[in-house]
N, C-alpha and C. Protein backbone atom coordinates (compact mmCIF):
# COMPACT_ATOMS: atom_id res chain seq x y z
N UNK A 1 -93.44 73.46 -47.50
CA UNK A 1 -94.15 74.16 -46.44
C UNK A 1 -94.77 75.42 -47.01
N UNK A 2 -95.84 75.87 -46.37
CA UNK A 2 -96.52 77.09 -46.77
C UNK A 2 -96.59 78.03 -45.58
N UNK A 3 -96.02 79.23 -45.73
CA UNK A 3 -96.06 80.22 -44.66
C UNK A 3 -96.75 81.47 -45.18
N UNK A 4 -97.74 81.98 -44.43
CA UNK A 4 -98.42 83.21 -44.84
C UNK A 4 -98.60 84.12 -43.63
N UNK A 5 -98.39 85.40 -43.85
CA UNK A 5 -98.52 86.41 -42.78
C UNK A 5 -97.71 85.99 -41.56
N UNK A 6 -96.47 85.59 -41.79
CA UNK A 6 -95.62 85.02 -40.74
C UNK A 6 -94.25 85.65 -40.76
N UNK A 7 -93.72 85.96 -39.58
CA UNK A 7 -92.35 86.43 -39.44
C UNK A 7 -91.48 85.23 -39.06
N UNK A 8 -90.35 85.09 -39.74
CA UNK A 8 -89.49 83.93 -39.53
C UNK A 8 -88.14 84.39 -39.02
N UNK A 9 -87.77 83.93 -37.82
CA UNK A 9 -86.50 84.30 -37.21
C UNK A 9 -85.33 83.49 -37.74
N UNK A 10 -84.15 83.94 -37.36
CA UNK A 10 -82.91 83.32 -37.80
C UNK A 10 -82.81 81.87 -37.30
N UNK A 11 -82.29 81.01 -38.15
CA UNK A 11 -82.09 79.59 -37.89
C UNK A 11 -83.39 78.83 -37.63
N UNK A 12 -84.51 79.35 -38.14
CA UNK A 12 -85.78 78.62 -38.04
C UNK A 12 -85.77 77.47 -39.03
N UNK A 13 -86.31 76.32 -38.63
CA UNK A 13 -86.46 75.20 -39.55
C UNK A 13 -87.93 74.79 -39.55
N UNK A 14 -88.44 74.52 -40.74
CA UNK A 14 -89.84 74.14 -40.91
C UNK A 14 -89.87 72.93 -41.83
N UNK A 15 -90.53 71.86 -41.39
CA UNK A 15 -90.60 70.63 -42.16
C UNK A 15 -91.54 70.73 -43.35
N UNK A 16 -91.40 69.80 -44.28
CA UNK A 16 -92.23 69.79 -45.48
C UNK A 16 -93.68 69.47 -45.13
N UNK A 17 -94.59 70.02 -45.90
CA UNK A 17 -96.01 69.79 -45.70
C UNK A 17 -96.63 70.61 -44.57
N UNK A 18 -95.84 71.44 -43.92
CA UNK A 18 -96.34 72.24 -42.80
C UNK A 18 -96.98 73.52 -43.31
N UNK A 19 -98.09 73.94 -42.68
CA UNK A 19 -98.78 75.17 -43.02
C UNK A 19 -98.76 76.08 -41.79
N UNK A 20 -98.22 77.28 -41.97
CA UNK A 20 -98.12 78.24 -40.87
C UNK A 20 -98.78 79.54 -41.31
N UNK A 21 -99.72 80.04 -40.48
CA UNK A 21 -100.48 81.24 -40.83
C UNK A 21 -100.57 82.16 -39.62
N UNK A 22 -100.23 83.43 -39.82
CA UNK A 22 -100.31 84.47 -38.78
C UNK A 22 -99.52 84.08 -37.53
N UNK A 23 -98.23 83.85 -37.72
CA UNK A 23 -97.37 83.43 -36.61
C UNK A 23 -96.08 84.24 -36.57
N UNK A 24 -95.43 84.15 -35.42
CA UNK A 24 -94.09 84.68 -35.26
C UNK A 24 -93.21 83.53 -34.80
N UNK A 25 -92.19 83.20 -35.61
CA UNK A 25 -91.24 82.15 -35.27
C UNK A 25 -89.94 82.85 -34.88
N UNK A 26 -89.55 82.74 -33.62
CA UNK A 26 -88.37 83.47 -33.16
C UNK A 26 -87.06 82.78 -33.51
N UNK A 27 -87.12 81.55 -34.04
CA UNK A 27 -85.91 80.88 -34.50
C UNK A 27 -85.19 80.13 -33.41
N UNK A 28 -83.86 80.07 -33.55
CA UNK A 28 -83.05 79.30 -32.61
C UNK A 28 -81.73 80.03 -32.35
N UNK A 29 -81.15 79.75 -31.19
CA UNK A 29 -79.87 80.34 -30.83
C UNK A 29 -78.70 79.60 -31.48
N UNK A 30 -78.96 78.39 -32.01
CA UNK A 30 -77.88 77.54 -32.53
C UNK A 30 -78.46 76.55 -33.53
N UNK A 31 -77.60 76.00 -34.37
CA UNK A 31 -77.96 74.87 -35.20
C UNK A 31 -77.68 73.63 -34.38
N UNK A 32 -78.63 72.73 -34.31
CA UNK A 32 -78.48 71.53 -33.49
C UNK A 32 -77.56 70.52 -34.19
N UNK A 33 -76.63 69.95 -33.43
CA UNK A 33 -75.70 68.96 -33.99
C UNK A 33 -76.40 67.62 -34.15
N UNK A 34 -75.84 66.76 -34.99
CA UNK A 34 -76.41 65.43 -35.20
C UNK A 34 -76.42 64.63 -33.90
N UNK A 35 -75.39 64.80 -33.08
CA UNK A 35 -75.34 64.09 -31.80
C UNK A 35 -76.49 64.53 -30.89
N UNK A 36 -76.76 65.83 -30.87
CA UNK A 36 -77.86 66.36 -30.06
C UNK A 36 -79.21 65.87 -30.59
N UNK A 37 -79.37 65.84 -31.89
CA UNK A 37 -80.62 65.35 -32.49
C UNK A 37 -80.84 63.89 -32.10
N UNK A 38 -79.79 63.08 -32.18
CA UNK A 38 -79.92 61.65 -31.85
C UNK A 38 -80.18 61.45 -30.36
N UNK A 39 -79.52 62.23 -29.51
CA UNK A 39 -79.73 62.11 -28.06
C UNK A 39 -81.15 62.50 -27.68
N UNK A 40 -81.66 63.57 -28.29
CA UNK A 40 -83.03 63.99 -28.02
C UNK A 40 -84.04 63.00 -28.58
N UNK A 41 -83.76 62.41 -29.73
CA UNK A 41 -84.66 61.41 -30.31
C UNK A 41 -84.76 60.20 -29.39
N UNK A 42 -83.65 59.83 -28.76
CA UNK A 42 -83.66 58.71 -27.82
C UNK A 42 -84.55 59.00 -26.62
N UNK A 43 -84.68 60.29 -26.26
CA UNK A 43 -85.55 60.70 -25.15
C UNK A 43 -86.99 60.93 -25.61
N UNK A 44 -87.23 60.84 -26.92
CA UNK A 44 -88.56 61.08 -27.47
C UNK A 44 -88.84 62.52 -27.82
N UNK A 45 -87.80 63.36 -27.86
CA UNK A 45 -87.96 64.77 -28.20
C UNK A 45 -87.64 65.01 -29.67
N UNK A 46 -88.44 65.85 -30.35
CA UNK A 46 -88.13 66.20 -31.74
C UNK A 46 -86.94 67.16 -31.80
N UNK A 47 -86.37 67.33 -32.98
CA UNK A 47 -85.28 68.31 -33.13
C UNK A 47 -85.79 69.74 -32.99
N UNK A 48 -84.87 70.69 -32.80
CA UNK A 48 -85.24 72.10 -32.70
C UNK A 48 -85.88 72.53 -34.02
N UNK A 49 -87.01 73.22 -33.93
CA UNK A 49 -87.72 73.68 -35.11
C UNK A 49 -89.10 73.06 -35.18
N UNK A 50 -89.71 73.16 -36.34
CA UNK A 50 -91.06 72.68 -36.55
C UNK A 50 -91.01 71.49 -37.49
N UNK A 51 -91.70 70.42 -37.12
CA UNK A 51 -91.67 69.17 -37.88
C UNK A 51 -92.50 69.20 -39.15
N UNK A 52 -92.70 68.02 -39.72
CA UNK A 52 -93.42 67.85 -40.97
C UNK A 52 -94.92 67.79 -40.73
N UNK A 53 -95.68 68.23 -41.74
CA UNK A 53 -97.13 68.11 -41.77
C UNK A 53 -97.84 68.70 -40.56
N UNK A 54 -97.37 69.85 -40.10
CA UNK A 54 -98.00 70.55 -38.98
C UNK A 54 -98.93 71.64 -39.51
N UNK A 55 -99.87 72.05 -38.65
CA UNK A 55 -100.73 73.20 -38.97
C UNK A 55 -100.68 74.12 -37.76
N UNK A 56 -100.14 75.32 -37.96
CA UNK A 56 -99.96 76.27 -36.87
C UNK A 56 -100.59 77.60 -37.27
N UNK A 57 -101.48 78.11 -36.41
CA UNK A 57 -102.18 79.36 -36.70
C UNK A 57 -102.19 80.24 -35.46
N UNK A 58 -102.04 81.54 -35.65
CA UNK A 58 -102.14 82.52 -34.56
C UNK A 58 -101.28 82.13 -33.37
N UNK A 59 -99.99 82.02 -33.60
CA UNK A 59 -99.10 81.57 -32.54
C UNK A 59 -97.78 82.33 -32.54
N UNK A 60 -97.15 82.31 -31.38
CA UNK A 60 -95.78 82.79 -31.22
C UNK A 60 -94.97 81.58 -30.76
N UNK A 61 -93.97 81.22 -31.54
CA UNK A 61 -93.10 80.10 -31.21
C UNK A 61 -91.78 80.69 -30.76
N UNK A 62 -91.48 80.58 -29.47
CA UNK A 62 -90.27 81.19 -28.92
C UNK A 62 -89.02 80.41 -29.35
N UNK A 63 -87.86 80.96 -29.02
CA UNK A 63 -86.58 80.39 -29.44
C UNK A 63 -86.38 78.96 -28.94
N UNK A 64 -85.71 78.18 -29.76
CA UNK A 64 -85.27 76.81 -29.46
C UNK A 64 -86.43 75.86 -29.17
N UNK A 65 -87.64 76.19 -29.61
CA UNK A 65 -88.77 75.29 -29.40
C UNK A 65 -88.63 74.07 -30.29
N UNK A 66 -89.15 72.95 -29.79
CA UNK A 66 -89.12 71.68 -30.52
C UNK A 66 -90.56 71.26 -30.74
N UNK A 67 -90.98 71.27 -32.00
CA UNK A 67 -92.34 70.89 -32.34
C UNK A 67 -92.25 69.69 -33.27
N UNK A 68 -92.86 68.58 -32.85
CA UNK A 68 -92.78 67.33 -33.61
C UNK A 68 -93.61 67.34 -34.88
N UNK A 69 -93.69 66.19 -35.53
CA UNK A 69 -94.45 66.02 -36.76
C UNK A 69 -95.95 65.92 -36.45
N UNK A 70 -96.77 66.31 -37.43
CA UNK A 70 -98.23 66.16 -37.35
C UNK A 70 -98.84 66.85 -36.14
N UNK A 71 -98.34 68.03 -35.79
CA UNK A 71 -98.85 68.81 -34.66
C UNK A 71 -99.81 69.87 -35.18
N UNK A 72 -100.90 70.09 -34.43
CA UNK A 72 -101.85 71.15 -34.75
C UNK A 72 -101.84 72.14 -33.59
N UNK A 73 -101.55 73.41 -33.89
CA UNK A 73 -101.56 74.46 -32.87
C UNK A 73 -102.47 75.57 -33.37
N UNK A 74 -103.57 75.79 -32.67
CA UNK A 74 -104.50 76.86 -33.01
C UNK A 74 -105.31 77.23 -31.78
N UNK A 75 -105.66 78.50 -31.62
CA UNK A 75 -106.49 78.90 -30.48
C UNK A 75 -107.98 78.69 -30.72
N UNK A 76 -108.37 78.23 -31.91
CA UNK A 76 -109.78 78.05 -32.24
C UNK A 76 -110.48 77.15 -31.22
N UNK A 77 -111.65 77.59 -30.77
CA UNK A 77 -112.45 76.79 -29.86
C UNK A 77 -112.04 76.88 -28.40
N UNK A 78 -111.04 77.69 -28.11
CA UNK A 78 -110.58 77.85 -26.73
C UNK A 78 -110.94 79.26 -26.26
N UNK A 79 -111.51 79.34 -25.08
CA UNK A 79 -111.91 80.64 -24.57
C UNK A 79 -111.05 81.04 -23.38
N UNK A 80 -110.82 82.31 -23.24
CA UNK A 80 -110.06 82.82 -22.11
C UNK A 80 -108.57 82.51 -22.20
N UNK A 81 -107.88 82.87 -21.13
CA UNK A 81 -106.45 82.62 -21.04
C UNK A 81 -106.22 81.23 -20.45
N UNK A 82 -105.23 80.52 -20.99
CA UNK A 82 -104.94 79.15 -20.55
C UNK A 82 -103.46 79.05 -20.21
N UNK A 83 -103.16 78.42 -19.07
CA UNK A 83 -101.79 78.09 -18.68
C UNK A 83 -101.67 76.58 -18.66
N UNK A 84 -100.94 76.03 -19.60
CA UNK A 84 -100.74 74.59 -19.75
C UNK A 84 -99.25 74.32 -19.67
N UNK A 85 -98.82 73.14 -19.25
CA UNK A 85 -97.38 72.87 -19.19
C UNK A 85 -96.65 73.03 -20.53
N UNK A 86 -97.34 72.80 -21.66
CA UNK A 86 -96.69 72.89 -22.97
C UNK A 86 -96.85 74.25 -23.64
N UNK A 87 -97.88 75.01 -23.25
CA UNK A 87 -98.18 76.25 -23.96
C UNK A 87 -99.00 77.18 -23.08
N UNK A 88 -99.18 78.41 -23.59
CA UNK A 88 -100.04 79.41 -22.96
C UNK A 88 -100.93 79.99 -24.06
N UNK A 89 -102.11 80.44 -23.68
CA UNK A 89 -102.95 81.19 -24.62
C UNK A 89 -103.30 82.51 -23.96
N UNK A 90 -103.00 83.59 -24.67
CA UNK A 90 -103.30 84.94 -24.22
C UNK A 90 -103.94 85.70 -25.38
N UNK A 91 -105.11 86.27 -25.14
CA UNK A 91 -105.79 87.10 -26.13
C UNK A 91 -105.90 86.42 -27.50
N UNK A 92 -106.19 85.12 -27.51
CA UNK A 92 -106.37 84.40 -28.77
C UNK A 92 -105.10 84.04 -29.48
N UNK A 93 -103.96 84.09 -28.80
CA UNK A 93 -102.67 83.73 -29.39
C UNK A 93 -102.04 82.62 -28.57
N UNK A 94 -101.65 81.53 -29.25
CA UNK A 94 -100.97 80.42 -28.58
C UNK A 94 -99.49 80.75 -28.49
N UNK A 95 -98.91 80.55 -27.32
CA UNK A 95 -97.49 80.84 -27.11
C UNK A 95 -96.79 79.55 -26.69
N UNK A 96 -95.79 79.17 -27.47
CA UNK A 96 -94.94 78.05 -27.11
C UNK A 96 -93.69 78.68 -26.50
N UNK A 97 -93.40 78.40 -25.22
CA UNK A 97 -92.30 79.10 -24.54
C UNK A 97 -90.91 78.68 -25.04
N UNK A 98 -89.92 79.48 -24.68
CA UNK A 98 -88.53 79.21 -25.03
C UNK A 98 -88.15 77.81 -24.55
N UNK A 99 -87.48 77.05 -25.40
CA UNK A 99 -87.04 75.68 -25.13
C UNK A 99 -88.21 74.72 -24.92
N UNK A 100 -89.42 75.11 -25.32
CA UNK A 100 -90.60 74.26 -25.16
C UNK A 100 -90.53 73.05 -26.07
N UNK A 101 -91.18 71.97 -25.65
CA UNK A 101 -91.23 70.74 -26.43
C UNK A 101 -92.69 70.35 -26.62
N UNK A 102 -93.10 70.21 -27.89
CA UNK A 102 -94.44 69.75 -28.23
C UNK A 102 -94.26 68.43 -28.97
N UNK A 103 -94.64 67.30 -28.35
CA UNK A 103 -94.43 65.98 -28.98
C UNK A 103 -95.22 65.81 -30.28
N UNK A 104 -94.74 64.92 -31.13
CA UNK A 104 -95.41 64.62 -32.39
C UNK A 104 -96.85 64.18 -32.13
N UNK A 105 -97.75 64.60 -33.02
CA UNK A 105 -99.14 64.20 -32.93
C UNK A 105 -99.98 65.00 -31.96
N UNK A 106 -99.41 65.99 -31.27
CA UNK A 106 -100.15 66.79 -30.30
C UNK A 106 -101.12 67.73 -31.01
N UNK A 107 -102.31 67.89 -30.43
CA UNK A 107 -103.29 68.84 -30.94
C UNK A 107 -103.56 69.86 -29.84
N UNK A 108 -103.26 71.11 -30.12
CA UNK A 108 -103.51 72.20 -29.16
C UNK A 108 -104.62 73.05 -29.73
């Protein structure tokens, strides 16, 4: 993974091949157990943290967020403030809320 101009919180996990630029990762309140990972996978949810091969720019990722593999998060091309069920955009910054889930392959 490649991180630049990024603050990384405690217990943050970032998958291989991921590029993160100008972000704040608030981390997690706990390390997820294997049982929890398997239970969430059965529901289609990724594990806590950031998956593999993602591109994240100008974002704040709140605690315990689950971001799947191959996700793109960037405010580029979006104007104004946006309230979406998965995220918010304020002043050109994408915010993934606490305990938020972004499925694999999502492009924001």
